[in-house]
Protein backbone atom coordinates (compact mmCIF):
# COMPACT_ATOMS: atom_id res chain seq x y z
CA MET A 1 20.80 -25.17 8.27
CA ASP A 2 19.77 -21.97 6.44
CA TYR A 3 18.27 -24.05 3.63
CA LEU A 4 16.26 -26.17 6.07
CA TYR A 5 15.16 -23.07 7.99
CA GLU A 6 13.94 -21.31 4.84
CA THR A 7 12.25 -24.48 3.56
CA ARG A 8 10.36 -24.85 6.83
CA ARG A 9 9.33 -21.21 6.75
CA LEU A 10 8.19 -21.48 3.16
CA LYS A 11 6.10 -24.54 3.99
CA GLU A 12 4.53 -22.71 6.94
CA TYR A 13 3.81 -19.73 4.73
CA TYR A 14 1.91 -21.72 2.10
CA GLN A 15 0.03 -23.71 4.73
CA GLY A 16 -1.11 -20.44 6.24
CA LEU A 17 -1.98 -19.11 2.79
CA ALA A 18 -4.28 -22.08 2.16
CA LYS A 19 -6.02 -21.45 5.49
CA ALA A 20 -6.47 -17.77 4.65
CA ALA A 21 -8.18 -18.69 1.38
CA ALA A 22 -10.62 -21.04 3.13
CA SER A 23 -13.80 -19.92 4.84
CA ILE A 24 -13.09 -18.38 8.26
CA LEU A 25 -16.68 -18.41 9.48
CA PRO A 26 -17.46 -20.62 12.49
CA LYS A 27 -18.93 -23.90 11.29
CA GLN A 28 -22.30 -23.35 12.96
CA MET A 29 -22.58 -19.88 11.46
CA GLU A 30 -21.62 -21.16 8.01
CA ASP A 31 -24.13 -24.03 8.22
CA GLU A 32 -26.92 -21.65 9.26
CA LEU A 33 -25.98 -19.25 6.49
CA ARG A 34 -26.05 -22.01 3.87
CA GLN A 35 -29.48 -23.06 5.10
CA ASP A 36 -30.76 -19.49 4.83
CA ILE A 37 -29.34 -19.13 1.33
CA ALA A 38 -30.92 -22.43 0.22
CA ASP A 39 -34.34 -21.51 1.62
CA PRO A 40 -36.64 -20.36 -1.25
CA ALA A 41 -38.36 -17.96 1.14
CA THR A 42 -35.13 -16.04 1.79
CA ASP A 43 -34.98 -12.52 0.40
CA GLN A 44 -33.06 -12.45 -2.90
CA GLN A 45 -30.95 -9.39 -1.95
CA TYR A 46 -29.97 -11.04 1.32
CA ARG A 47 -29.12 -14.32 -0.43
CA GLU A 48 -26.88 -12.66 -3.03
CA THR A 49 -25.18 -10.32 -0.56
CA MET A 50 -24.39 -12.96 2.04
CA SER A 51 -23.23 -15.53 -0.53
CA PHE A 52 -20.82 -12.99 -1.98
CA TRP A 53 -19.62 -11.91 1.47
CA ALA A 54 -19.05 -15.39 2.89
CA PHE A 55 -17.68 -17.32 -0.09
CA VAL A 56 -15.85 -14.71 -2.18
CA PHE A 57 -15.21 -11.42 -0.38
CA LEU A 58 -13.93 -12.83 2.92
CA PRO A 59 -11.58 -15.45 1.40
CA PHE A 60 -10.24 -12.95 -1.16
CA PHE A 61 -9.83 -10.23 1.46
CA ASN A 62 -8.05 -12.54 3.91
CA THR A 63 -5.76 -14.02 1.25
CA MET A 64 -4.68 -10.58 0.06
CA ALA A 65 -4.14 -9.46 3.65
CA TYR A 66 -2.17 -12.61 4.44
CA ILE A 67 0.17 -12.01 1.50
CA VAL A 68 0.74 -8.40 2.53
CA ASN A 69 1.23 -9.23 6.21
CA ASN A 70 3.47 -12.26 5.74
CA ARG A 71 5.43 -11.77 2.54
CA PHE A 72 5.35 -8.19 1.29
CA ILE A 73 6.29 -6.83 4.72
CA HIS A 74 9.13 -9.35 5.05
CA GLU A 75 10.50 -8.55 1.59
CA ASP A 76 10.46 -4.81 2.35
CA GLU A 77 12.27 -5.28 5.65
CA SER A 78 15.83 -5.34 4.26
CA ASN A 79 15.22 -2.15 2.24
CA ILE A 80 13.84 -0.37 5.29
CA LEU A 81 16.79 -1.48 7.42
CA GLY A 82 19.09 0.09 4.86
CA ASP A 83 17.68 3.49 5.86
CA LEU A 84 18.21 3.01 9.61
CA ASP A 85 18.75 6.32 11.39
CA PRO A 86 20.65 5.83 14.67
CA HIS A 87 19.76 9.34 15.86
CA LYS A 88 16.01 8.83 16.16
CA PRO A 89 14.66 7.85 19.60
CA THR A 90 13.67 4.26 20.28
CA LEU A 91 10.09 3.32 21.04
CA PRO A 92 9.07 2.28 24.57
CA PRO A 93 8.55 -1.47 25.11
CA GLN A 94 4.78 -1.02 25.43
CA SER A 95 4.55 0.54 21.95
CA ILE A 96 6.65 -2.23 20.42
CA TYR A 97 4.45 -4.87 22.07
CA GLN A 98 1.24 -3.25 20.78
CA PHE A 99 2.74 -3.02 17.30
CA LEU A 100 3.76 -6.69 17.25
CA LEU A 101 0.26 -7.76 18.31
CA ARG A 102 -1.08 -6.43 15.01
CA LEU A 103 1.22 -8.67 12.96
CA ASN A 104 0.68 -12.26 11.95
CA PRO A 105 3.05 -14.77 13.64
CA MET A 106 5.64 -15.03 10.87
CA PRO A 107 6.46 -11.31 10.45
CA ALA A 108 6.14 -10.84 14.23
CA GLU A 109 8.93 -13.36 14.74
CA GLU A 110 11.04 -11.67 12.05
CA PHE A 111 10.67 -8.37 13.90
CA VAL A 112 11.49 -9.85 17.30
CA ARG A 113 14.68 -11.37 15.86
CA THR A 114 15.91 -7.84 15.03
CA ILE A 115 16.03 -6.96 18.75
CA GLN A 116 19.65 -6.88 19.89
CA SER A 117 19.81 -9.76 22.34
CA SER A 118 20.39 -13.51 22.51
CA SER A 119 18.33 -16.22 20.82
CA ALA A 120 17.12 -17.38 24.23
CA VAL A 121 15.74 -13.89 24.95
CA HIS A 122 14.07 -13.84 21.56
CA ASP A 123 12.34 -17.12 22.39
CA HIS A 124 11.12 -15.76 25.73
CA LEU A 125 9.81 -12.62 24.02
CA LEU A 126 7.94 -14.71 21.46
CA ASP A 127 6.42 -16.83 24.26
CA ALA A 128 5.23 -13.67 26.03
CA LEU A 129 3.80 -12.36 22.78
CA THR A 130 1.99 -15.65 22.12
CA GLN A 131 0.54 -15.60 25.64
CA ARG A 132 -0.52 -11.96 25.22
CA ASP A 133 1.48 -11.08 28.34
CA GLU A 134 2.48 -7.44 27.91
CA ALA A 135 3.99 -7.09 31.39
CA GLN A 136 6.26 -10.11 30.88
CA PHE A 137 7.27 -8.91 27.39
CA CYS A 138 8.27 -5.48 28.71
CA THR A 139 10.07 -6.96 31.72
CA ILE A 140 12.19 -9.20 29.49
CA LEU A 141 13.23 -6.24 27.36
CA SER A 142 14.12 -4.17 30.41
CA GLU A 143 15.97 -6.80 32.45
CA ASN A 144 18.09 -7.92 29.49
CA HIS A 145 18.90 -4.38 28.36
CA CYS A 146 17.80 -5.23 24.82
CA GLY A 147 18.72 -2.95 21.94
CA LEU A 148 15.53 -1.55 20.43
CA ASP A 149 16.80 0.87 17.79
CA VAL A 150 16.32 -1.49 14.81
CA ILE A 151 12.85 -2.71 15.75
CA SER A 152 11.81 0.88 16.57
CA HIS A 153 12.89 1.93 13.11
CA LEU A 154 10.92 -0.93 11.56
CA CYS A 155 7.83 -0.01 13.54
CA ASN A 156 8.07 3.66 12.57
CA GLN A 157 8.94 3.22 8.90
CA LEU A 158 7.80 -0.14 7.60
CA TRP A 159 4.42 -0.09 9.31
CA ASP A 160 3.55 3.30 7.79
CA ASN A 161 4.32 1.88 4.35
CA VAL A 162 1.85 -1.02 4.54
CA SER A 163 -0.73 -0.49 1.83
CA ASP A 164 -3.78 1.46 2.99
CA VAL A 165 -5.93 -1.12 1.22
CA PHE A 166 -6.23 -2.69 4.65
CA THR A 167 -6.63 0.48 6.73
CA LEU A 168 -9.83 0.44 8.79
CA GLU A 169 -10.59 2.05 12.14
CA GLU A 170 -11.28 -0.76 14.60
CA ASN A 171 -14.08 1.05 16.44
CA GLU A 172 -16.00 1.54 13.20
CA ILE A 173 -16.11 -2.09 12.01
CA PRO A 174 -19.68 -3.27 11.31
CA ILE A 175 -20.83 -6.28 13.34
CA MET A 176 -21.09 -8.53 10.27
CA MET A 177 -17.50 -7.72 9.29
CA GLU A 178 -15.74 -8.29 12.62
CA ALA A 179 -14.63 -11.83 11.79
CA SER A 180 -12.89 -10.71 8.62
CA LEU A 181 -10.77 -7.81 9.82
CA GLY A 182 -8.11 -9.41 12.03
CA ILE A 183 -5.41 -8.05 9.75
CA THR A 184 -2.73 -5.42 9.39
CA ARG A 185 -4.01 -1.95 10.17
CA SER A 186 -1.82 0.98 9.18
CA ILE A 187 -1.23 3.63 11.85
CA ASN A 188 -0.46 6.18 9.15
CA ALA A 189 -3.52 8.45 8.91
CA SER A 190 -2.12 10.82 6.27
CA THR A 191 -4.22 9.19 3.52
CA PRO A 192 -7.84 8.58 4.60
CA ASN A 193 -9.21 5.23 3.51
CA PRO A 194 -11.92 5.84 0.87
CA MET A 195 -13.97 2.95 2.24
CA ILE A 196 -14.53 4.58 5.62
CA PRO A 197 -17.64 6.64 4.58
CA HIS A 198 -19.33 3.51 3.18
CA MET A 199 -18.47 1.55 6.29
CA GLU A 200 -19.84 4.33 8.50
CA GLN A 201 -23.11 4.11 6.58
CA VAL A 202 -23.31 0.40 7.39
CA VAL A 203 -22.68 1.17 11.07
CA ARG A 204 -25.50 3.71 11.11
CA SER A 205 -27.86 1.23 9.42
CA GLY A 206 -26.87 -1.41 11.95
CA GLU A 207 -27.60 0.95 14.83
CA ARG A 208 -31.06 1.70 13.42
CA LEU A 209 -31.69 -2.03 13.06
CA GLU A 210 -30.67 -2.67 16.67
CA ALA A 211 -32.94 0.14 17.86
CA GLU A 212 -35.91 -1.09 15.79
CA ASP A 213 -35.86 -4.59 14.31
CA SER A 214 -38.18 -3.91 11.36
CA ASP A 215 -38.27 -5.25 7.82
CA LYS A 216 -37.59 -1.76 6.49
CA ASN A 217 -34.47 -1.29 8.63
CA PHE A 218 -33.25 -4.80 7.83
CA GLN A 219 -33.61 -4.22 4.07
CA GLN A 220 -31.75 -0.91 4.33
CA TYR A 221 -28.97 -2.57 6.30
CA ILE A 222 -28.52 -5.25 3.64
CA ILE A 223 -28.52 -2.61 0.88
CA ASP A 224 -25.87 -0.53 2.65
CA PHE A 225 -23.82 -3.61 3.52
CA ASN A 226 -23.92 -4.78 -0.10
CA THR A 227 -22.86 -1.33 -1.33
CA PHE A 228 -19.93 -1.34 1.07
CA LEU A 229 -18.86 -4.85 0.01
CA CYS A 230 -19.00 -4.01 -3.70
CA LYS A 231 -17.08 -0.75 -3.25
CA TYR A 232 -14.44 -2.41 -1.13
CA PHE A 233 -14.19 -5.39 -3.48
CA THR A 234 -13.65 -3.07 -6.45
CA TYR A 235 -10.97 -1.27 -4.44
CA LEU A 236 -9.22 -4.56 -3.65
CA ILE A 237 -9.46 -5.78 -7.25
CA SER A 238 -7.67 -2.68 -8.53
CA HIS A 239 -4.73 -3.47 -6.22
CA TYR A 240 -4.88 -7.16 -7.10
CA LEU A 241 -4.55 -6.33 -10.80
CA ASP A 242 -1.75 -3.84 -10.19
CA TRP A 243 0.18 -6.36 -8.08
CA GLN A 244 -0.23 -9.40 -10.34
CA ALA A 245 3.41 -9.38 -11.39
CA TYR A 246 4.50 -9.76 -7.76
CA PHE A 247 2.41 -12.82 -6.84
CA SER A 248 3.98 -16.26 -6.78
CA GLN A 249 2.29 -18.96 -8.87
CA GLN A 250 0.66 -20.50 -5.78
CA GLU A 251 -0.64 -17.12 -4.63
CA ALA A 252 -1.97 -16.27 -8.09
CA ASP A 253 -3.70 -19.66 -8.41
CA LEU A 254 -5.44 -19.36 -5.06
CA LEU A 255 -6.66 -15.83 -5.76
CA SER A 256 -7.87 -16.84 -9.23
CA GLN A 257 -9.80 -19.80 -7.80
CA ILE A 258 -11.59 -17.52 -5.34
CA LEU A 259 -12.47 -15.01 -8.05
CA ALA A 260 -13.84 -17.80 -10.26
CA ARG A 261 -16.52 -18.75 -7.72
CA PRO A 262 -20.04 -18.15 -9.08
CA GLU A 263 -21.16 -16.25 -5.95
CA GLY A 264 -18.96 -13.31 -6.93
CA GLN A 265 -18.98 -13.30 -10.72
CA MET A 266 -21.31 -10.31 -11.06
CA GLN A 267 -19.24 -8.21 -8.65
CA TYR A 268 -15.94 -9.33 -10.17
CA GLN A 269 -17.00 -8.46 -13.71
CA ALA A 270 -18.23 -5.05 -12.52
CA ALA A 271 -14.90 -4.43 -10.74
CA LEU A 272 -12.96 -5.46 -13.85
CA ALA A 273 -15.02 -3.14 -16.03
CA GLN A 274 -14.41 -0.20 -13.69
CA TYR A 275 -10.68 -0.94 -13.51
CA HIS A 276 -10.32 -1.06 -17.30
CA GLN A 277 -12.40 2.11 -17.61
CA GLN A 278 -10.00 3.87 -15.23
CA GLN A 279 -7.03 2.52 -17.17
CA SER A 280 -8.51 3.80 -20.41
CA ALA A 281 -9.15 7.22 -18.87
CA ALA A 282 -5.56 7.34 -17.60
CA HIS A 283 -4.34 6.46 -21.09
CA ASP A 284 -6.48 9.25 -22.56
CA ASP A 285 -5.02 11.66 -20.00
CA LEU A 286 -1.53 10.62 -21.07
CA SER A 287 -2.39 11.23 -24.71
CA ALA A 288 -3.85 14.63 -23.91
CA ALA A 289 -0.82 15.53 -21.83
CA THR A 290 1.49 14.76 -24.73
CA LEU A 291 -0.24 17.42 -26.82
CA SER A 292 0.13 20.19 -24.24
CA TRP A 293 3.93 20.40 -24.15
CA THR A 294 6.51 18.41 -26.07
CA LEU A 295 10.19 17.72 -26.27
CA PRO A 296 12.16 17.05 -29.46
CA SER A 297 12.20 13.35 -30.31
CA ASP A 298 16.02 13.31 -30.11
CA PHE A 299 16.01 14.93 -26.64
CA PHE A 300 17.82 12.06 -24.93
CA THR A 301 20.49 11.91 -27.64
CA LEU A 302 21.51 15.52 -27.04
CA ARG A 303 24.68 16.20 -25.08
CA CYS A 304 24.44 17.04 -21.40
CA ASP A 305 25.91 20.36 -20.35
CA ALA A 306 29.06 19.03 -18.67
CA ALA A 307 30.17 22.51 -17.62
CA HIS A 308 27.15 22.80 -15.36
CA CYS A 309 26.89 19.23 -14.03
CA GLU A 310 26.03 20.47 -10.53
CA GLU A 311 22.80 21.95 -11.95
CA TYR A 312 21.09 18.67 -12.82
CA LEU A 313 20.58 15.05 -11.82
CA ALA A 314 21.47 11.91 -13.78
CA ILE A 315 18.38 10.11 -15.11
CA ASN A 316 18.21 6.30 -15.13
CA ASP A 317 18.35 4.10 -18.22
CA GLU A 318 14.66 3.10 -18.33
CA ILE A 319 13.55 6.73 -18.55
CA ILE A 320 16.03 7.32 -21.37
CA SER A 321 15.02 4.21 -23.32
CA ALA A 322 11.30 5.02 -22.92
CA GLY A 323 11.87 8.17 -24.98
CA ALA A 324 11.09 11.87 -24.98
CA ASP A 325 7.31 11.53 -25.40
CA LYS A 326 6.84 9.68 -22.13
CA PHE A 327 9.18 12.07 -20.36
CA ALA A 328 7.07 14.98 -21.63
CA GLN A 329 3.94 13.16 -20.44
CA LEU A 330 5.46 12.94 -16.98
CA ILE A 331 6.25 16.65 -16.83
CA ASN A 332 2.81 17.58 -18.17
CA TYR A 333 1.23 15.37 -15.51
CA LEU A 334 3.19 17.15 -12.78
CA ALA A 335 2.03 20.53 -14.09
CA GLU A 336 -1.61 19.52 -14.60
CA ASN A 337 -1.78 18.17 -11.07
CA ASP A 338 -0.17 21.32 -9.66
CA TYR A 339 3.05 19.77 -8.44
CA ILE A 340 4.88 22.42 -10.49
CA GLY A 341 3.85 25.54 -12.39
CA SER A 342 2.18 25.13 -15.78
CA SER A 343 4.29 27.49 -17.89
CA ALA A 344 6.51 26.14 -20.67
CA GLN A 345 9.52 27.76 -18.97
CA THR A 346 8.85 25.86 -15.74
CA LYS A 347 8.47 22.56 -17.59
CA GLN A 348 11.66 23.16 -19.54
CA LEU A 349 13.55 23.98 -16.35
CA LEU A 350 12.32 20.77 -14.68
CA ALA A 351 13.43 18.74 -17.70
CA TYR A 352 16.86 20.33 -17.44
CA ARG A 353 17.09 19.77 -13.68
CA LEU A 354 16.38 16.09 -14.16
CA VAL A 355 18.41 15.39 -17.30
CA GLY A 356 20.87 18.24 -17.96
CA LYS A 357 19.92 18.82 -21.61
CA MET A 358 18.73 22.00 -23.35
CA ARG A 359 19.86 24.40 -20.61
CA PRO A 360 17.46 27.36 -20.30
CA ASP A 361 18.68 30.93 -19.97
CA ASP A 362 17.24 31.31 -16.48
CA VAL A 363 18.27 28.46 -14.17
CA ASP A 364 16.42 29.23 -10.96
CA THR A 365 14.92 27.13 -8.20
CA LEU A 366 11.63 25.35 -8.90
CA GLU A 367 8.67 25.61 -6.55
CA TRP A 368 7.19 22.21 -5.67
CA HIS A 369 3.57 22.09 -4.52
CA GLY A 370 3.26 18.82 -2.61
CA HIS A 371 0.12 17.68 -0.77
CA ASN A 372 0.06 19.59 2.54
CA ASN A 373 3.50 20.98 1.64
CA GLN A 374 5.03 17.53 2.02
CA PRO A 375 7.90 16.39 -0.25
CA TYR A 376 6.91 12.71 -0.50
CA GLU A 377 6.05 12.73 -4.22
CA LEU A 378 9.23 14.65 -5.04
CA ILE A 379 11.32 12.20 -3.02
CA TYR A 380 9.65 9.32 -4.87
CA LEU A 381 10.41 11.03 -8.19
CA ILE A 382 14.08 11.60 -7.34
CA LYS A 383 14.56 8.14 -5.85
CA HIS A 384 13.12 6.18 -8.77
CA LEU A 385 13.95 8.31 -11.81
CA SER A 386 17.50 9.25 -10.97
CA ALA A 387 20.45 7.00 -11.72
CA ARG A 388 21.86 8.19 -8.38
CA ALA A 389 19.32 9.68 -6.00
CA ASN A 390 20.95 12.93 -4.89
CA TYR A 391 18.80 14.48 -2.19
CA ARG A 392 21.31 17.28 -1.60
CA LYS A 393 20.70 18.51 -5.11
CA MET A 394 16.96 17.99 -4.68
CA ARG A 395 16.96 20.43 -1.76
CA GLN A 396 18.98 22.91 -3.79
CA PHE A 397 16.82 22.72 -6.91
CA PHE A 398 13.37 22.83 -5.26
CA THR A 399 11.65 25.09 -2.76
CA GLY A 400 8.24 24.83 -1.11
CA PRO A 401 8.07 21.52 0.78
CA GLN A 402 8.61 21.11 4.50
CA TRP A 403 11.71 18.98 4.18
CA VAL A 404 11.96 15.82 6.26
CA LYS A 405 14.88 15.76 8.66
CA ASP A 406 16.85 12.74 7.49
CA ARG A 407 16.80 9.61 5.37
CA ASP A 408 14.79 11.01 2.49
CA SER A 409 14.52 7.71 0.60
CA SER A 410 12.53 6.05 3.38
CA TYR A 411 9.70 8.56 2.76
CA ALA A 412 9.27 7.66 -0.91
CA LYS A 413 6.53 5.11 -0.20
CA SER A 414 4.48 7.82 1.51
CA ALA A 415 3.86 9.38 -1.91
CA HIS A 416 0.20 9.48 -2.87
CA TYR A 417 -1.01 6.25 -4.46
CA ASP A 418 -2.39 7.98 -7.59
CA PHE A 419 1.01 9.59 -8.13
CA ARG A 420 2.85 6.28 -7.78
CA ARG A 421 0.33 4.55 -10.00
CA PHE A 422 0.75 7.11 -12.80
CA LEU A 423 4.54 6.83 -12.73
CA HIS A 424 4.31 3.05 -12.59
CA HIS A 425 2.31 3.01 -15.83
CA LEU A 426 4.95 5.20 -17.48
CA TYR A 427 7.99 3.40 -16.08
CA PRO A 428 6.91 0.03 -14.60
CA THR A 429 10.42 -1.21 -13.79
CA SER A 430 11.79 1.94 -12.19
CA CYS A 431 8.64 3.04 -10.36
CA PRO A 432 7.05 0.39 -8.11
CA LEU A 433 3.59 0.91 -6.65
C-alpha cells in the first residue's frame, strides 16, 4: 500500500511539474500576444519584453516555485518535526486555514495529515479547504477536538524557512504579473526581498499609464517592467545554479528546456555572466582572507587539549579534511563581516572554541555581532560545523545575541543567505544553502 501510495503521489507530482512548465496565460491572451509579437509594426522593446515574460520568465518562475512548494517543503518537513516544541502555543484554526490556502494541494494535504485526528476528519478538512470554506474548516477542527500542536509548529517554523526567492507583497504585484504569482509567499519579513524596489517602480509606472494613456508613459512602463523582469530573472538564476545538485533529472531537464528557449537567451547569458562574476569575486575574497590571518598547515593534526574539553566544541570531519587554510578563511570572513572582532587574539580564541587546539593564554567569552543582535548565523555555524551541536556550550562561549528561547537548531535556516552561501562554498556537504 505504501509503495502504491508513493507511486501515485510521485506521478501526480510530475504531472503537476509539467503543467507548471507550460504557459499559464489564458489562451485568448496568449493568442493576442503572439499576434502582437508577430506584427512588424509592434515596438521592438515591447516585443522582446513580452516574449521573454510569457515564454521564458513565467514558465521558469512557476516551475521553480512548484518545486519549492511541492517537494522542498515536503522534504524539510521531517527535519522540522524533529524540533517540535510542545510548550509553544498552538495557532487558532483561522490562522491554520489561511496558511494552508497559500500552499499547493500536495503539501497542503501533507500538512492536514499531521493534525491529530482520524482519516475521515482529515478528508472533511481537505474538502473544506478545496471548497474555500473557512467556517466549515474551523468548525470541523473545533467539534472534533483536533490536536493542532504539530501543524502549528510546521506553520511557524517551516513556512518561515521557505526561500525568500518567492517573497512578494501581494498588494504590490503589478497588473501584468498577477497571473504568475499564485505561489508560496513567506510571512517572514526579517529579510526584505531585493526585488521589491524594482517591482514598486513598475507599479508607479503602471499608475501613471492608467492616469494618462500616452506613448511616453507606455514606453516607460515597458522599460521598468523589463528591468524588473531581468533583475528578478538574474536573482532566480543564481538560486537555480546553487540548487542544481538537488534537482531530480526530470526537474533539471524541464528547467534546462525552458532556459534554452530563444526568447530568453540574451537575459539568460547576462544572468550567467553576473553569477560567474559574483563567484569569481567571492573566490578573490577567499584568497584575500587567507592572507590576513593564517593557521599552521598541520593545525588539525595537533592534539586537542583533553584537560579542558569543556572549553571547546568538536568539529565535524569535512571541516577537518578540508584543511587549515579553509578554516582560516572562515574565521577571517567572520571577522571581516563583523561577526567577531578582527584582532588575531579573537580569531585564535574562536579557532580554539571550535576545535580545541592551540589553547590561548586568555580563554574568555567571545562577543558575537549578529544582524540585529540575532544569533541565527551563530546557530547555523554551530549546527553545521560541529560534530555534535552543543548549544549549551554555545551560550557559554559567546555573548551579545538575544538568545532564542528554545530549539536552537530550528533557527539555523534563518541565517542570512549570503552567510549560508559563503559557508556552502567552503564546506558544500556540511553547510546546505
